[in-house]
Amino acid sequence: MPWIDVAAATLILLSIVVATVTRRRSAVPVVIVGVAAISTLILGFVLEGARPVLLAMGCSALVGAAVVVWLRSGRLPRIAVATGVAVGLGCLGLAGGAWALPPVYVAAPTGVYDVGIDSEVWTDDSRDARGGDAAGETRSLPATIWYPAAGGGEPAPYLPERDRASELTEALAAQYGVPAVLFDSLVRARGNATWQGEPADGSFPVVIASPGLNSTRWFFTSWAEELASNGVVVIALDHPYDAPVAELADGTSAFSELTTTGDDARDQASADHWTSIRAADMRAVIDHLRSDQVPLPALKSADTTEIIAAGHSLGGAAALEAARLDDRIAGVVDIDGMPRSPDGAAPVRQPVLAVVAGDADPNPEYDAALDSLLANGTGAVLELDGVAHFAMVDVGLMIAPLPGITGTRGAHGPTAAAQATLRLIEAVTTGTALDADSLAELGGVSTSSDADSAG
């Protein structure tokens, strides 16, 4: 609720202004505004916790109160006014910061099921730690599972594994070159799922999801909770040495080793390589789903014959590549990811839904790649108006609705992407074509027939 933070900062500023204007008259107006400022600040602490921006506002309130007393004393009035102006400008800065980096709130899912959450680290003995073929190593596959639950309970923290939460926020901060405090809202946030809640009875399709490059599986939280509440088991992966930080099977952590060279050809080749590793990770998870004799409780109702591959950004490319190579995957949801299958490779045969950002610069190469996905006649492209690339996942909850960054409708991105995913799942599980009319309720739609007409 950034408006509470903004209101508190504005009221602190207003109290200084009122004190300046009324310093030789009744103190009632400044007392009223001051009480309103303090009350709003207290409400912010109750609802949001001790966020850094609120702590800074608390300090500003104390300094502002001292300035108000000083102004009314009549001593050194010019200096008092100058100090009040400085504090007021500081309040304006805090209000801007509170708006730009709001507290993270995960929308309540809309489905009929409660949601449970659990995590697991599988292994792939056929590959080394970095997804290659070096001897004597094992690839770790850290995953979080959201699933339909039989009942609700205490909502788990957004980052349920508290011992690793600070490690993740520090890794994200190092990746983007910003202070870790900017990711504080992730540590304080809560989702809607119950940690290790009792799974619901039934048989539910499975979605295996890969995050964006150098991103984390936790940014799928809103999307995954919406799917799970509608009767879907979601398995979101981190890819060791690609993710900012990922836990390994031996309990240690692996940090990102991804680098760019500035040479576009080399960097694109690297991205293709990372895509292939991610695709292999997704396929290795399917191996576990099909072969584990005693499945995790979270997976007891998973229908492993109905598997959808999904991903955001480079994860979307990995989902497409995994499906191209693996007939066990029944459909694909590519959330704003450039396809990266090798030149001359066989096309994806399964139904494909590409969910693309409506708030994005024109990209003819991307458009052509998406048109090729529709060539098999079973796909569709959905454009989400007002949603930018990063707002397809929970990054859009961490940053203000800014055009070109999150989009004017950024906070709605994960839920809209989840609703689109449900349309693809329905088509796959019922053996019917994607319902273009139903997709059109979410945004602009183009299908294979549209691509053929354009050609």
Foldseek 3Di string as FASTA:
>chain_A
DLVLLLLLLVLLLVLLVVLLVALPHDCVVSVVSLVVSVVSLVVCCVVQNPQVLSVVSVVLSVVSVVLSVVCNVVPPNVVSVVSSVVSSVVSVVSSVVCQFFPQFEQDQADAQFQKAKEKDKDKAQCAACQLHRDPPHIHIKIKMKIAGAPDFDPFAQLPNPLVCPLVQLVLVCVVVVHDSSLVVSSRRHTARHHYPHQHDDAAAEEEEEEEAWQADQSLLRNLNRNLRSHGYMYIYTDGALGHCWDAGPVGDIGGHPDDDDPPVVVVLVVLLVVLQSLLVSSVVVLVCVVPPPDDDSRCPNYDQQAYEYEYAASRQLSSQVNQLVDVSHQEYEYEAYQHRDDPPRDGRQHEYEYEHEQLDDDDVNSVVSVLVNQQNVQYKYFYAHQAHRVLLTSVLSRGRQDRPPGGVPSVCNSVLSSVQVVQSSVCRVVVHGRDLVSSVVRGDMDHNVNSVVVD
